[in-house]
């Protein structure tokens, strides 16, 4: 009797919390590019859609739908098919299932990510977020890019093959907890190519794993500013200049690749502290600087594509950063700000569902769901 009462109370509590969450989150809409949605006679019934709550087949269909309002959430479901390019004109939170789902354990009940060639944030999309998407090359040299044409955009926990491209004269761009692979030899941030370009203000670039350069400079407009660049792992091309920009804070980063160098704040190293480097002399004399003669002494020996960037807990080179927490992408004193394996969103994930397959009279169908929460 006590067990039943406890379970009943837990169910009520969970329902209350879920309803509270949905109240703040407004409406959640599903997008699955294998849905039969056509907007007239089919509403994604093959994936549980209805005329009132359709399951859209593409992101742009959801954006154009009149009942999708500012502040709503688009849940982009994993698929074997690449999603059509998306242009966002409303304030939305766009959440995909993450990436590297075949590699990391307990991340999904299937291995499908949400792949897309490019996402463009246009007028009306201010304060939107892009989370957990795999932005990749899909046959065009303008793919693998997130285009930002408005203020206050957050791009987090995504895999981005080329770069983020902010337009001129913007403010408040947050690039957080992403994985930038070395698929293409580009900088993680790039301008529009216009000779009159004015770089945006207040870019935050924190807790990313970056297998490419971060060169925020151009002959036409000089050297740009990244307001914060903290707790990243830079693993770009070896024996080259990998980092060049001005910044108000360059802390707790790890320069992993052999021989890479940096030019921060015109080489003055102002605002540079508590970093770990692979090359002797880089950031020499700055507070808390650590040179590691072999990065094999710092990083774990085995792991997945992004798991290999975790640090050995017992390494003598694994020393605390400026905030007393671990350095690198998985570090930082605030847990929710750390890099998350596979770019999982801060929502519960059901990674395993099993059933007996037989419904018994009086007891129904036994179903076991294994789930985990993500920060």
Protein backbone atom coordinates (compact mmCIF):
# COMPACT_ATOMS: atom_id res chain seq x y z
CA UNK A 1 0.00 0.00 0.00
CA UNK A 2 2.81 2.42 0.87
CA UNK A 3 4.56 1.58 -2.40
CA UNK A 4 1.42 2.31 -4.42
CA UNK A 5 0.90 5.60 -2.59
CA UNK A 6 4.52 6.60 -3.18
CA UNK A 7 4.30 5.81 -6.88
CA UNK A 8 1.03 7.72 -7.12
CA UNK A 9 2.53 10.78 -5.45
CA UNK A 10 5.59 10.61 -7.70
CA UNK A 11 3.36 10.45 -10.78
CA UNK A 12 1.40 13.50 -9.62
CA UNK A 13 4.62 15.39 -8.88
CA UNK A 14 6.13 14.48 -12.24
CA UNK A 15 2.97 15.56 -14.05
CA UNK A 16 2.94 18.87 -12.19
CA UNK A 17 6.58 19.52 -13.04
CA UNK A 18 6.00 18.61 -16.67
CA UNK A 19 3.00 20.92 -16.94
CA UNK A 20 4.98 23.71 -15.30
CA UNK A 21 7.80 23.17 -17.78
CA UNK A 22 5.42 23.23 -20.73
CA UNK A 23 3.79 26.40 -19.41
CA UNK A 24 7.10 28.21 -19.54
CA UNK A 25 8.15 26.52 -22.76
CA UNK A 26 4.83 27.24 -24.48
CA UNK A 27 4.03 24.75 -27.25
CA UNK A 28 6.27 21.92 -28.45
CA UNK A 29 5.89 21.05 -32.13
CA UNK A 30 7.32 17.94 -33.79
CA UNK A 31 9.20 17.88 -37.09
CA UNK A 32 10.08 14.63 -38.86
CA UNK A 33 11.09 14.68 -42.52
CA UNK A 34 9.48 11.29 -43.10
CA UNK A 35 6.08 12.66 -42.09
CA UNK A 36 3.36 12.73 -44.77
CA UNK A 37 2.48 16.34 -43.89
CA UNK A 38 1.29 18.44 -46.85
CA UNK A 39 -0.72 21.09 -44.99
CA UNK A 40 -4.02 20.28 -46.67
CA UNK A 41 -5.12 16.65 -46.33
CA UNK A 42 -2.19 15.03 -44.55
CA UNK A 43 -0.94 16.21 -41.16
CA UNK A 44 1.73 13.68 -40.31
CA UNK A 45 -0.73 11.01 -39.25
CA UNK A 46 1.91 8.39 -40.07
CA UNK A 47 3.90 9.81 -37.12
CA UNK A 48 0.99 10.59 -34.81
CA UNK A 49 0.07 14.02 -36.15
CA UNK A 50 -3.43 15.52 -36.20
CA UNK A 51 -4.96 18.57 -37.93
CA UNK A 52 -4.68 20.46 -34.63
CA UNK A 53 -1.15 19.30 -33.83
CA UNK A 54 0.53 18.23 -37.06
CA UNK A 55 3.91 16.58 -37.34
CA UNK A 56 5.67 18.76 -39.90
CA UNK A 57 8.01 17.29 -42.49
CA UNK A 58 10.39 20.27 -42.63
CA UNK A 59 11.41 23.09 -40.32
CA UNK A 60 10.21 25.81 -42.72
CA UNK A 61 6.70 24.31 -42.66
CA UNK A 62 6.63 24.71 -38.90
CA UNK A 63 7.97 28.27 -39.07
CA UNK A 64 5.25 29.23 -41.57
CA UNK A 65 2.43 27.56 -39.63
CA UNK A 66 0.23 30.31 -38.10
CA UNK A 67 -0.22 28.52 -34.76
CA UNK A 68 3.53 28.29 -34.18
CA UNK A 69 4.24 31.36 -32.08
CA UNK A 70 7.27 33.19 -30.75
CA UNK A 71 8.75 31.25 -27.85
CA UNK A 72 7.60 27.85 -29.08
CA UNK A 73 9.85 24.79 -29.34
CA UNK A 74 10.48 22.79 -32.51
CA UNK A 75 11.58 19.24 -31.72
CA UNK A 76 13.51 18.02 -34.78
CA UNK A 77 13.46 14.24 -34.82
CA UNK A 78 16.35 12.10 -36.01
CA UNK A 79 16.19 10.74 -39.55
CA UNK A 80 18.23 8.98 -42.22
CA UNK A 81 17.34 11.86 -44.57
CA UNK A 82 18.97 15.31 -44.50
CA UNK A 83 16.51 18.08 -43.63
CA UNK A 84 15.90 20.88 -46.12
CA UNK A 85 17.69 24.16 -45.40
CA UNK A 86 15.81 26.26 -42.87
CA UNK A 87 15.16 29.99 -42.57
CA UNK A 88 13.93 31.07 -39.14
CA UNK A 89 11.68 34.15 -38.91
CA UNK A 90 10.17 33.61 -35.46
CA UNK A 91 11.68 33.44 -31.98
CA UNK A 92 11.99 29.66 -31.59
CA UNK A 93 13.95 27.05 -29.69
CA UNK A 94 15.01 24.40 -32.20
CA UNK A 95 16.16 21.16 -30.56
CA UNK A 96 17.64 18.18 -32.38
CA UNK A 97 18.66 14.82 -30.89
CA UNK A 98 22.42 15.49 -30.94
CA UNK A 99 25.21 13.75 -32.85
CA UNK A 100 27.70 10.86 -32.52
CA UNK A 101 24.69 8.84 -31.38
CA UNK A 102 26.25 5.57 -32.56
CA UNK A 103 29.32 6.19 -30.38
CA UNK A 104 28.24 7.39 -26.95
CA UNK A 105 26.17 5.21 -24.59
CA UNK A 106 22.70 6.02 -23.29
CA UNK A 107 22.13 8.97 -25.60
CA UNK A 108 19.14 7.85 -27.68
CA UNK A 109 16.73 5.00 -28.30
CA UNK A 110 17.88 5.06 -31.94
CA UNK A 111 21.03 6.28 -33.68
CA UNK A 112 19.48 8.90 -35.97
CA UNK A 113 20.67 12.49 -35.74
CA UNK A 114 19.00 15.51 -37.37
CA UNK A 115 21.20 16.54 -40.29
CA UNK A 116 20.76 19.83 -42.12
CA UNK A 117 22.81 21.76 -44.68
CA UNK A 118 22.33 25.25 -43.31
CA UNK A 119 20.20 27.30 -40.95
CA UNK A 120 19.59 31.03 -41.43
CA UNK A 121 18.29 33.30 -38.67
CA UNK A 122 16.47 36.21 -40.32
CA UNK A 123 14.37 39.14 -39.14
CA UNK A 124 11.86 38.09 -36.49
CA UNK A 125 14.04 35.31 -35.07
CA UNK A 126 15.83 37.42 -32.46
CA UNK A 127 16.50 35.50 -29.20
CA UNK A 128 16.18 32.10 -30.91
CA UNK A 129 18.24 29.04 -30.01
CA UNK A 130 19.63 26.21 -32.14
CA UNK A 131 20.47 23.09 -30.13
CA UNK A 132 21.57 19.54 -30.93
CA UNK A 133 21.64 19.74 -34.74
CA UNK A 134 24.23 18.28 -37.13
CA UNK A 135 25.00 21.08 -39.60
CA UNK A 136 26.91 19.50 -42.47
CA UNK A 137 27.92 19.72 -46.11
CA UNK A 138 25.00 18.66 -48.29
CA UNK A 139 26.40 19.20 -51.77
CA UNK A 140 26.94 22.96 -51.74
CA UNK A 141 29.80 25.18 -50.61
CA UNK A 142 27.28 27.29 -48.68
CA UNK A 143 26.34 24.29 -46.53
CA UNK A 144 27.70 23.36 -43.13
CA UNK A 145 27.09 26.93 -41.99
CA UNK A 146 24.82 28.71 -39.53
CA UNK A 147 23.94 32.17 -40.89
CA UNK A 148 23.07 34.78 -38.27
CA UNK A 149 21.45 37.99 -39.52
CA UNK A 150 19.84 39.17 -36.26
CA UNK A 151 20.81 39.89 -32.67
CA UNK A 152 20.75 37.59 -29.65
CA UNK A 153 21.11 34.14 -31.20
CA UNK A 154 22.35 31.11 -29.26
CA UNK A 155 23.98 28.19 -31.08
CA UNK A 156 24.72 25.41 -28.66
CA UNK A 157 25.46 21.69 -28.56
CA UNK A 158 25.58 21.42 -32.36
CA UNK A 159 28.05 19.81 -34.72
CA UNK A 160 29.03 22.43 -37.31
CA UNK A 161 31.20 21.39 -40.26
CA UNK A 162 32.13 24.82 -41.58
CA UNK A 163 31.40 27.87 -39.42
CA UNK A 164 29.02 30.35 -37.87
CA UNK A 165 28.64 33.43 -40.08
CA UNK A 166 27.30 36.54 -38.33
CA UNK A 167 26.18 39.49 -40.41
CA UNK A 168 27.49 43.01 -39.95
CA UNK A 169 26.67 45.21 -36.93
CA UNK A 170 25.15 42.55 -34.69
CA UNK A 171 25.23 42.10 -30.91
CA UNK A 172 24.86 39.13 -28.58
CA UNK A 173 25.94 35.96 -30.36
CA UNK A 174 26.40 32.91 -28.14
CA UNK A 175 28.40 29.94 -29.51
CA UNK A 176 28.40 27.37 -26.73
CA UNK A 177 29.22 23.69 -26.22
CA UNK A 178 29.53 22.88 -29.93
CA UNK A 179 31.75 20.44 -31.83
CA UNK A 180 33.59 21.92 -34.83
CA UNK A 181 35.16 19.03 -36.81
CA UNK A 182 38.17 19.38 -39.10
CA UNK A 183 36.11 18.31 -42.14
CA UNK A 184 36.86 21.65 -43.82
CA UNK A 185 39.83 23.96 -43.30
CA UNK A 186 37.90 27.01 -42.14
CA UNK A 187 37.73 29.26 -39.12
CA UNK A 188 34.93 28.46 -36.67
CA UNK A 189 33.59 32.01 -37.17
CA UNK A 190 33.66 33.82 -40.52
CA UNK A 191 32.47 37.15 -41.90
CA UNK A 192 30.31 37.87 -44.96
CA UNK A 193 33.21 38.83 -47.21
CA UNK A 194 31.96 42.40 -47.62
CA UNK A 195 34.57 45.17 -47.62
CA UNK A 196 32.22 47.28 -45.45
CA UNK A 197 31.75 44.54 -42.87
CA UNK A 198 31.66 45.63 -39.23
CA UNK A 199 32.19 42.67 -36.88
CA UNK A 200 29.53 42.06 -34.23
CA UNK A 201 29.95 42.97 -30.59
CA UNK A 202 29.56 40.66 -27.61
CA UNK A 203 30.36 37.26 -29.07
CA UNK A 204 30.63 34.51 -26.43
CA UNK A 205 32.59 31.40 -27.48
CA UNK A 206 32.68 29.00 -24.53
CA UNK A 207 33.01 25.25 -23.88
CA UNK A 208 33.47 24.24 -27.51
CA UNK A 209 35.60 21.45 -28.98
CA UNK A 210 37.23 23.07 -31.99
CA UNK A 211 39.22 20.97 -34.47
CA UNK A 212 39.72 24.02 -36.65
CA UNK A 213 41.12 27.52 -36.37
CA UNK A 214 39.46 30.50 -34.75
CA UNK A 215 40.86 33.44 -36.71
CA UNK A 216 38.57 36.44 -36.27
CA UNK A 217 40.48 38.89 -38.44
CA UNK A 218 40.44 40.31 -41.95
CA UNK A 219 42.53 42.78 -43.95
CA UNK A 220 39.41 44.87 -44.65
CA UNK A 221 38.26 45.43 -41.06
CA UNK A 222 41.16 44.38 -38.85
CA UNK A 223 40.92 42.15 -35.79
CA UNK A 224 37.55 41.37 -34.25
CA UNK A 225 36.63 40.96 -30.61
CA UNK A 226 35.27 37.86 -28.90
CA UNK A 227 34.05 39.11 -25.54
CA UNK A 228 34.56 35.74 -23.81
CA UNK A 229 36.54 32.74 -24.99
CA UNK A 230 36.68 30.35 -22.05
CA UNK A 231 36.86 26.59 -21.41
CA UNK A 232 37.43 25.47 -24.99
CA UNK A 233 39.67 22.77 -26.42
CA UNK A 234 41.47 23.92 -29.56
CA UNK A 235 42.76 21.03 -31.65
CA UNK A 236 43.23 22.61 -35.06
CA UNK A 237 46.00 22.19 -37.66
CA UNK A 238 49.34 21.37 -36.03
CA UNK A 239 52.28 23.77 -36.12
CA UNK A 240 50.21 26.73 -37.31
CA UNK A 241 48.68 29.92 -35.98
CA UNK A 242 45.25 28.72 -34.79
CA UNK A 243 43.89 31.62 -32.74
CA UNK A 244 43.82 35.33 -33.51
CA UNK A 245 41.37 37.83 -32.05
CA UNK A 246 40.89 40.36 -29.27
CA UNK A 247 39.05 39.37 -26.12
CA UNK A 248 38.12 40.47 -22.64
CA UNK A 249 38.56 36.96 -21.25
CA UNK A 250 40.66 34.03 -22.49
CA UNK A 251 40.66 31.54 -19.61
CA UNK A 252 40.70 27.82 -18.89
CA UNK A 253 41.29 26.85 -22.52
CA UNK A 254 43.44 23.95 -23.70
CA UNK A 255 45.54 24.25 -26.87
CA UNK A 256 45.87 20.55 -27.67
CA UNK A 257 47.35 20.15 -31.16
CA UNK A 258 51.14 20.04 -31.39
CA UNK A 259 52.90 23.28 -32.16
CA UNK A 260 49.85 25.52 -32.45
CA UNK A 261 50.28 29.18 -31.60
CA UNK A 262 47.98 32.08 -30.74
CA UNK A 263 47.85 35.84 -31.15
CA UNK A 264 45.51 37.17 -28.47
CA UNK A 265 44.98 40.91 -28.01
CA UNK A 266 47.70 41.73 -30.55
CA UNK A 267 50.17 39.48 -28.78
CA UNK A 268 50.00 41.34 -25.47
CA UNK A 269 48.27 38.38 -23.74
CA UNK A 270 46.16 40.81 -21.75
CA UNK A 271 43.18 39.01 -20.16
CA UNK A 272 44.87 35.64 -20.80
CA UNK A 273 45.18 33.32 -17.79
CA UNK A 274 44.85 29.74 -16.55
CA UNK A 275 45.33 28.07 -19.92
CA UNK A 276 47.02 24.78 -20.84
CA UNK A 277 49.22 24.68 -23.94
CA UNK A 278 51.07 22.14 -26.06
CA UNK A 279 53.84 24.51 -27.16
CA UNK A 280 56.47 25.85 -24.81
CA UNK A 281 56.48 29.64 -24.79
CA UNK A 282 52.83 30.16 -25.74
CA UNK A 283 51.25 32.50 -23.16
CA UNK A 284 54.53 32.38 -21.26
CA UNK A 285 54.41 34.45 -18.08
CA UNK A 286 50.62 34.57 -17.83
CA UNK A 287 48.90 33.58 -14.59
CA UNK A 288 48.19 29.86 -14.22
CA UNK A 289 49.70 28.88 -17.58
CA UNK A 290 50.64 25.19 -17.90
CA UNK A 291 52.78 23.65 -20.63
CA UNK A 292 52.15 19.94 -21.21
CA UNK A 293 55.04 18.25 -23.08
CA UNK A 294 52.74 15.45 -24.28
CA UNK A 295 48.96 15.79 -24.34
CA UNK A 296 48.73 12.02 -23.88
CA UNK A 297 49.54 12.79 -20.25
CA UNK A 298 46.44 14.97 -19.91
CA UNK A 299 43.63 13.54 -22.06
CA UNK A 300 42.01 10.13 -21.68
CA UNK A 301 43.55 7.37 -23.79
CA UNK A 302 40.33 5.82 -25.09
CA UNK A 303 36.94 7.21 -25.99
CA UNK A 304 34.52 8.38 -28.62
CA UNK A 305 35.05 11.24 -31.06
CA UNK A 306 34.11 13.85 -28.48
CA UNK A 307 34.76 11.67 -25.44
CA UNK A 308 38.49 11.71 -26.21
CA UNK A 309 38.56 15.35 -25.14
CA UNK A 310 37.86 14.48 -21.51
CA UNK A 311 40.77 14.81 -19.09
CA UNK A 312 42.42 12.15 -16.98
CA UNK A 313 41.23 12.75 -13.44
CA UNK A 314 44.56 11.67 -11.95
CA UNK A 315 46.88 13.57 -14.28
CA UNK A 316 49.28 15.97 -12.60
CA UNK A 317 48.63 18.34 -15.54
CA UNK A 318 44.89 18.40 -14.83
CA UNK A 319 44.98 21.50 -12.68
CA UNK A 320 42.08 23.76 -11.78
CA UNK A 321 41.25 26.81 -13.82
CA UNK A 322 40.46 30.33 -12.71
CA UNK A 323 37.13 29.26 -11.17
CA UNK A 324 38.57 26.29 -9.27
CA UNK A 325 36.99 23.80 -11.69
CA UNK A 326 38.50 21.70 -14.48
CA UNK A 327 39.82 23.38 -17.60
CA UNK A 328 38.70 22.54 -21.13
CA UNK A 329 35.30 21.98 -22.72
CA UNK A 330 34.05 19.61 -20.01
CA UNK A 331 35.10 22.02 -17.27
CA UNK A 332 33.71 25.09 -15.60
CA UNK A 333 32.07 25.56 -12.23
CA UNK A 334 28.50 25.64 -13.64
CA UNK A 335 27.61 22.12 -14.74
CA UNK A 336 24.94 23.10 -17.27
CA UNK A 337 27.49 25.23 -19.15
CA UNK A 338 29.87 22.32 -19.76
CA UNK A 339 30.20 20.45 -23.04
CA UNK A 340 27.80 17.51 -23.09
CA UNK A 341 28.60 14.23 -24.87
CA UNK A 342 26.82 14.03 -28.24
CA UNK A 343 25.38 17.52 -27.82
CA UNK A 344 22.31 16.29 -25.98
CA UNK A 345 19.83 18.99 -25.04
CA UNK A 346 18.95 19.70 -21.41
CA UNK A 347 15.89 17.45 -21.60
CA UNK A 348 15.23 13.84 -20.52
CA UNK A 349 16.30 11.17 -23.02
CA UNK A 350 14.72 7.72 -23.21
CA UNK A 351 17.56 5.54 -24.48
CA UNK A 352 15.98 2.08 -24.15
CA UNK A 353 12.40 0.82 -24.35
CA UNK A 354 11.58 -2.87 -23.90
CA UNK A 355 8.32 -4.77 -23.62
CA UNK A 356 7.14 -8.34 -23.27
CA UNK A 357 5.10 -7.83 -26.41
CA UNK A 358 2.09 -9.49 -24.80
CA UNK A 359 -0.84 -7.72 -23.14
CA UNK A 360 -2.33 -9.73 -20.28
CA UNK A 361 -5.95 -9.36 -19.08
CA UNK A 362 -6.06 -7.30 -15.92
CA UNK A 363 -2.39 -6.28 -16.05
CA UNK A 364 -2.03 -4.80 -19.52
CA UNK A 365 1.26 -4.54 -21.40
CA UNK A 366 4.49 -4.41 -19.39
CA UNK A 367 6.85 -1.74 -20.70
CA UNK A 368 10.28 -0.84 -19.31
CA UNK A 369 11.70 2.58 -20.15
CA UNK A 370 15.27 3.56 -19.34
CA UNK A 371 15.95 7.27 -19.36
CA UNK A 372 18.53 9.79 -18.27
CA UNK A 373 18.47 13.49 -17.62
CA UNK A 374 20.91 15.94 -19.17
CA UNK A 375 22.20 19.20 -17.83
